[in-house]
């Protein structure tokens, strides 16, 4: 077998393999092979920041955009293959706080998952996100997300009746 340098060439390679016996008459057969040469996955994706900070109003509706996490992959700059990135929230055992938010696996958009965000219950949410490339073997990276809840005037004041001398009634 001959070893040769193909440079940066990536794509299909057509090869015809011929086999023959040593008999008389010589009998032979051949087969055409299509070999795909693919570029190796040399680079892990990289987030544009180690920590993404966003804010969200309490009582935000499900689906409201909170922010976007962004990653890049050097392998995608070659223009070869389908170097797709997929985003996900890394599950944590902290009372499933990450369930308050969702992430679009295709574009990294972080959105409100349910409408139960309440400043008086929790002022800050933190979780990890992961991005994985679609190459073989797949490579990944993680980043932190911090979401601060903005307090709105959403609680009606509560008055406790008191007597004239200040004691509670």
C-alpha atoms as a PDB file:
ATOM      1  CA  UNK A   1       0.000   0.000   0.000  1.00  0.00           C
ATOM      2  CA  UNK A   2       1.298   3.408  -0.919  1.00  0.00           C
ATOM      3  CA  UNK A   3       1.197   6.313   1.557  1.00  0.00           C
ATOM      4  CA  UNK A   4       0.790   9.754   0.076  1.00  0.00           C
ATOM      5  CA  UNK A   5       0.089  13.259   1.304  1.00  0.00           C
ATOM      6  CA  UNK A   6      -3.203  14.690   0.117  1.00  0.00           C
ATOM      7  CA  UNK A   7      -2.552  18.143   1.579  1.00  0.00           C
ATOM      8  CA  UNK A   8      -5.755  19.790   2.781  1.00  0.00           C
ATOM      9  CA  UNK A   9      -7.923  17.868   0.347  1.00  0.00           C
ATOM     10  CA  UNK A  10     -11.127  16.573   1.867  1.00  0.00           C
ATOM     11  CA  UNK A  11     -13.753  14.658  -0.065  1.00  0.00           C
ATOM     12  CA  UNK A  12     -14.523  11.352  -1.728  1.00  0.00           C
ATOM     13  CA  UNK A  13     -11.771   9.280  -3.310  1.00  0.00           C
ATOM     14  CA  UNK A  14     -12.508   6.697  -6.021  1.00  0.00           C
ATOM     15  CA  UNK A  15     -10.296   3.611  -6.066  1.00  0.00           C
ATOM     16  CA  UNK A  16     -10.502   0.510  -8.205  1.00  0.00           C
ATOM     17  CA  UNK A  17      -9.126  -2.636  -6.573  1.00  0.00           C
ATOM     18  CA  UNK A  18      -8.176  -5.472  -8.916  1.00  0.00           C
ATOM     19  CA  UNK A  19      -7.455  -9.004  -7.740  1.00  0.00           C
ATOM     20  CA  UNK A  20      -6.155 -11.804  -9.908  1.00  0.00           C
ATOM     21  CA  UNK A  21      -5.071 -15.353  -9.361  1.00  0.00           C
ATOM     22  CA  UNK A  22      -1.885 -17.049 -10.527  1.00  0.00           C
ATOM     23  CA  UNK A  23      -3.626 -19.697 -12.606  1.00  0.00           C
ATOM     24  CA  UNK A  24      -3.717 -20.317 -16.300  1.00  0.00           C
ATOM     25  CA  UNK A  25      -5.651 -18.661 -17.702  1.00  0.00           C
ATOM     26  CA  UNK A  26      -5.359 -15.772 -15.245  1.00  0.00           C
ATOM     27  CA  UNK A  27      -8.716 -14.910 -13.724  1.00  0.00           C
ATOM     28  CA  UNK A  28      -9.385 -11.522 -12.190  1.00  0.00           C
ATOM     29  CA  UNK A  29     -12.083  -9.378 -10.688  1.00  0.00           C
ATOM     30  CA  UNK A  30     -12.324  -5.750  -9.681  1.00  0.00           C
ATOM     31  CA  UNK A  31     -14.369  -3.563  -7.415  1.00  0.00           C
ATOM     32  CA  UNK A  32     -14.791   0.199  -7.365  1.00  0.00           C
ATOM     33  CA  UNK A  33     -14.601   1.755  -3.912  1.00  0.00           C
ATOM     34  CA  UNK A  34     -15.685   5.220  -2.817  1.00  0.00           C
ATOM     35  CA  UNK A  35     -13.625   6.344   0.180  1.00  0.00           C
ATOM     36  CA  UNK A  36     -14.604   9.471   2.084  1.00  0.00           C
ATOM     37  CA  UNK A  37     -11.741  11.428   3.547  1.00  0.00           C
ATOM     38  CA  UNK A  38     -12.904  13.563   6.431  1.00  0.00           C
ATOM     39  CA  UNK A  39     -11.094  16.211   8.377  1.00  0.00           C
ATOM     40  CA  UNK A  40     -10.366  15.218  11.988  1.00  0.00           C
ATOM     41  CA  UNK A  41     -12.087  17.029  14.827  1.00  0.00           C
ATOM     42  CA  UNK A  42      -9.081  18.906  16.150  1.00  0.00           C
ATOM     43  CA  UNK A  43     -10.727  21.714  18.115  1.00  0.00           C
ATOM     44  CA  UNK A  44     -13.233  21.741  20.950  1.00  0.00           C
ATOM     45  CA  UNK A  45     -15.890  24.447  20.826  1.00  0.00           C
ATOM     46  CA  UNK A  46     -15.132  27.559  22.876  1.00  0.00           C
ATOM     47  CA  UNK A  47     -17.645  29.845  24.575  1.00  0.00           C
ATOM     48  CA  UNK A  48     -17.188  33.571  23.955  1.00  0.00           C
ATOM     49  CA  UNK A  49     -17.220  34.082  27.752  1.00  0.00           C
ATOM     50  CA  UNK A  50     -16.611  31.896  30.804  1.00  0.00           C
ATOM     51  CA  UNK A  51     -19.600  33.473  32.564  1.00  0.00           C
ATOM     52  CA  UNK A  52     -22.733  34.821  30.892  1.00  0.00           C
ATOM     53  CA  UNK A  53     -24.718  37.329  33.012  1.00  0.00           C
ATOM     54  CA  UNK A  54     -28.341  38.118  32.258  1.00  0.00           C
ATOM     55  CA  UNK A  55     -31.302  39.637  34.055  1.00  0.00           C
ATOM     56  CA  UNK A  56     -34.974  38.778  33.903  1.00  0.00           C
ATOM     57  CA  UNK A  57     -38.061  40.462  35.353  1.00  0.00           C
ATOM     58  CA  UNK A  58     -39.881  38.440  37.959  1.00  0.00           C
ATOM     59  CA  UNK A  59     -43.177  36.967  36.710  1.00  0.00           C
ATOM     60  CA  UNK A  60     -41.818  36.827  33.129  1.00  0.00           C
ATOM     61  CA  UNK A  61     -43.925  34.740  30.783  1.00  0.00           C
ATOM     62  CA  UNK A  62     -42.782  31.353  29.503  1.00  0.00           C
ATOM     63  CA  UNK A  63     -40.751  31.730  26.320  1.00  0.00           C
ATOM     64  CA  UNK A  64     -39.428  35.208  27.145  1.00  0.00           C
ATOM     65  CA  UNK A  65     -35.847  35.606  25.936  1.00  0.00           C
ATOM     66  CA  UNK A  66     -33.355  36.056  28.775  1.00  0.00           C
ATOM     67  CA  UNK A  67     -30.119  36.057  26.753  1.00  0.00           C
ATOM     68  CA  UNK A  68     -27.949  34.107  24.330  1.00  0.00           C
ATOM     69  CA  UNK A  69     -24.863  32.030  25.073  1.00  0.00           C
ATOM     70  CA  UNK A  70     -22.464  31.861  22.134  1.00  0.00           C
ATOM     71  CA  UNK A  71     -19.729  29.381  21.266  1.00  0.00           C
ATOM     72  CA  UNK A  72     -17.493  28.983  18.232  1.00  0.00           C
ATOM     73  CA  UNK A  73     -15.594  26.038  16.795  1.00  0.00           C
ATOM     74  CA  UNK A  74     -12.329  26.428  14.872  1.00  0.00           C
ATOM     75  CA  UNK A  75     -13.127  23.269  12.897  1.00  0.00           C
ATOM     76  CA  UNK A  76     -16.138  25.004  11.331  1.00  0.00           C
ATOM     77  CA  UNK A  77     -13.885  27.664   9.765  1.00  0.00           C
ATOM     78  CA  UNK A  78     -12.556  25.146   7.242  1.00  0.00           C
ATOM     79  CA  UNK A  79     -15.961  24.983   5.599  1.00  0.00           C
ATOM     80  CA  UNK A  80     -15.796  21.208   5.530  1.00  0.00           C
ATOM     81  CA  UNK A  81     -18.408  18.881   6.948  1.00  0.00           C
ATOM     82  CA  UNK A  82     -21.338  19.892   9.094  1.00  0.00           C
ATOM     83  CA  UNK A  83     -19.752  21.291  12.230  1.00  0.00           C
ATOM     84  CA  UNK A  84     -22.941  21.963  14.169  1.00  0.00           C
ATOM     85  CA  UNK A  85     -22.984  23.028  17.789  1.00  0.00           C
ATOM     86  CA  UNK A  86     -25.668  21.861  20.251  1.00  0.00           C
ATOM     87  CA  UNK A  87     -26.352  23.617  23.542  1.00  0.00           C
ATOM     88  CA  UNK A  88     -27.835  22.127  26.717  1.00  0.00           C
ATOM     89  CA  UNK A  89     -28.261  22.919  30.388  1.00  0.00           C
ATOM     90  CA  UNK A  90     -26.252  20.592  32.597  1.00  0.00           C
ATOM     91  CA  UNK A  91     -28.595  18.990  35.152  1.00  0.00           C
ATOM     92  CA  UNK A  92     -27.826  19.878  38.765  1.00  0.00           C
ATOM     93  CA  UNK A  93     -29.037  18.474  42.061  1.00  0.00           C
ATOM     94  CA  UNK A  94     -29.924  21.878  43.490  1.00  0.00           C
ATOM     95  CA  UNK A  95     -33.706  21.506  43.705  1.00  0.00           C
ATOM     96  CA  UNK A  96     -33.819  21.474  39.893  1.00  0.00           C
ATOM     97  CA  UNK A  97     -33.409  25.259  39.721  1.00  0.00           C
ATOM     98  CA  UNK A  98     -32.307  24.949  36.112  1.00  0.00           C
ATOM     99  CA  UNK A  99     -35.871  23.948  35.244  1.00  0.00           C
ATOM    100  CA  UNK A 100     -36.882  27.611  35.524  1.00  0.00           C
ATOM    101  CA  UNK A 101     -35.045  28.236  32.247  1.00  0.00           C
ATOM    102  CA  UNK A 102     -34.611  26.455  28.958  1.00  0.00           C
ATOM    103  CA  UNK A 103     -31.989  26.678  26.207  1.00  0.00           C
ATOM    104  CA  UNK A 104     -32.514  26.298  22.490  1.00  0.00           C
ATOM    105  CA  UNK A 105     -30.121  23.501  21.449  1.00  0.00           C
ATOM    106  CA  UNK A 106     -29.491  25.078  18.026  1.00  0.00           C
ATOM    107  CA  UNK A 107     -28.838  28.748  18.815  1.00  0.00           C
ATOM    108  CA  UNK A 108     -28.090  29.014  22.565  1.00  0.00           C
ATOM    109  CA  UNK A 109     -31.068  31.249  23.386  1.00  0.00           C
ATOM    110  CA  UNK A 110     -31.900  31.056  27.098  1.00  0.00           C
ATOM    111  CA  UNK A 111     -35.620  31.526  27.735  1.00  0.00           C
ATOM    112  CA  UNK A 112     -38.024  31.421  30.682  1.00  0.00           C
ATOM    113  CA  UNK A 113     -39.372  27.892  31.000  1.00  0.00           C
ATOM    114  CA  UNK A 114     -42.242  28.645  33.361  1.00  0.00           C
ATOM    115  CA  UNK A 115     -43.786  31.790  34.812  1.00  0.00           C
ATOM    116  CA  UNK A 116     -42.911  31.122  38.459  1.00  0.00           C
ATOM    117  CA  UNK A 117     -39.902  33.414  38.730  1.00  0.00           C
ATOM    118  CA  UNK A 118     -40.331  35.415  41.928  1.00  0.00           C
ATOM    119  CA  UNK A 119     -37.725  37.843  43.295  1.00  0.00           C
ATOM    120  CA  UNK A 120     -38.987  37.353  46.855  1.00  0.00           C
ATOM    121  CA  UNK A 121     -38.369  33.593  46.546  1.00  0.00           C
ATOM    122  CA  UNK A 122     -35.031  33.645  44.695  1.00  0.00           C
ATOM    123  CA  UNK A 123     -32.997  36.626  43.483  1.00  0.00           C
ATOM    124  CA  UNK A 124     -30.291  34.830  41.479  1.00  0.00           C
ATOM    125  CA  UNK A 125     -30.182  31.628  39.425  1.00  0.00           C
ATOM    126  CA  UNK A 126     -26.922  29.965  38.416  1.00  0.00           C
ATOM    127  CA  UNK A 127     -26.350  26.940  36.237  1.00  0.00           C
ATOM    128  CA  UNK A 128     -23.891  25.445  33.765  1.00  0.00           C
ATOM    129  CA  UNK A 129     -24.425  25.119  30.030  1.00  0.00           C
ATOM    130  CA  UNK A 130     -22.610  22.774  27.704  1.00  0.00           C
ATOM    131  CA  UNK A 131     -21.926  23.002  23.997  1.00  0.00           C
ATOM    132  CA  UNK A 132     -21.039  19.870  22.000  1.00  0.00           C
ATOM    133  CA  UNK A 133     -19.880  19.774  18.394  1.00  0.00           C
ATOM    134  CA  UNK A 134     -21.291  17.268  15.921  1.00  0.00           C
ATOM    135  CA  UNK A 135     -17.968  15.852  14.776  1.00  0.00           C
ATOM    136  CA  UNK A 136     -16.476  12.452  15.588  1.00  0.00           C
ATOM    137  CA  UNK A 137     -15.280  12.227  18.217  1.00  0.00           C
ATOM    138  CA  UNK A 138     -17.469  14.996  19.617  1.00  0.00           C
ATOM    139  CA  UNK A 139     -15.787  17.637  21.764  1.00  0.00           C
ATOM    140  CA  UNK A 140     -17.438  19.951  24.290  1.00  0.00           C
ATOM    141  CA  UNK A 141     -17.045  22.975  26.549  1.00  0.00           C
ATOM    142  CA  UNK A 142     -18.938  24.425  29.503  1.00  0.00           C
ATOM    143  CA  UNK A 143     -19.733  27.913  30.759  1.00  0.00           C
ATOM    144  CA  UNK A 144     -21.604  29.396  33.700  1.00  0.00           C
ATOM    145  CA  UNK A 145     -24.847  31.344  33.449  1.00  0.00           C
ATOM    146  CA  UNK A 146     -25.922  33.791  36.146  1.00  0.00           C
ATOM    147  CA  UNK A 147     -29.416  35.239  35.912  1.00  0.00           C
ATOM    148  CA  UNK A 148     -30.409  38.049  38.267  1.00  0.00           C
ATOM    149  CA  UNK A 149     -34.120  38.497  38.890  1.00  0.00           C
ATOM    150  CA  UNK A 150     -35.378  42.081  38.696  1.00  0.00           C
ATOM    151  CA  UNK A 151     -37.804  42.953  41.500  1.00  0.00           C
ATOM    152  CA  UNK A 152     -41.090  44.435  40.336  1.00  0.00           C
ATOM    153  CA  UNK A 153     -43.720  46.101  42.501  1.00  0.00           C
ATOM    154  CA  UNK A 154     -45.993  43.075  42.458  1.00  0.00           C
ATOM    155  CA  UNK A 155     -46.959  42.610  46.105  1.00  0.00           C
ATOM    156  CA  UNK A 156     -49.910  44.482  47.613  1.00  0.00           C
ATOM    157  CA  UNK A 157     -49.044  46.069  50.950  1.00  0.00           C
ATOM    158  CA  UNK A 158     -50.494  44.303  53.959  1.00  0.00           C
ATOM    159  CA  UNK A 159     -51.771  46.445  56.783  1.00  0.00           C
ATOM    160  CA  UNK A 160     -52.265  44.989  60.239  1.00  0.00           C
ATOM    161  CA  UNK A 161     -54.901  46.773  62.234  1.00  0.00           C
ATOM    162  CA  UNK A 162     -53.598  48.342  65.438  1.00  0.00           C
ATOM    163  CA  UNK A 163     -55.336  50.036  68.299  1.00  0.00           C
ATOM    164  CA  UNK A 164     -54.784  53.657  69.187  1.00  0.00           C
ATOM    165  CA  UNK A 165     -52.112  52.718  71.769  1.00  0.00           C
ATOM    166  CA  UNK A 166     -50.161  50.692  69.092  1.00  0.00           C
ATOM    167  CA  UNK A 167     -51.065  47.147  70.191  1.00  0.00           C
ATOM    168  CA  UNK A 168     -52.141  44.666  67.585  1.00  0.00           C
ATOM    169  CA  UNK A 169     -55.860  43.995  67.328  1.00  0.00           C
END
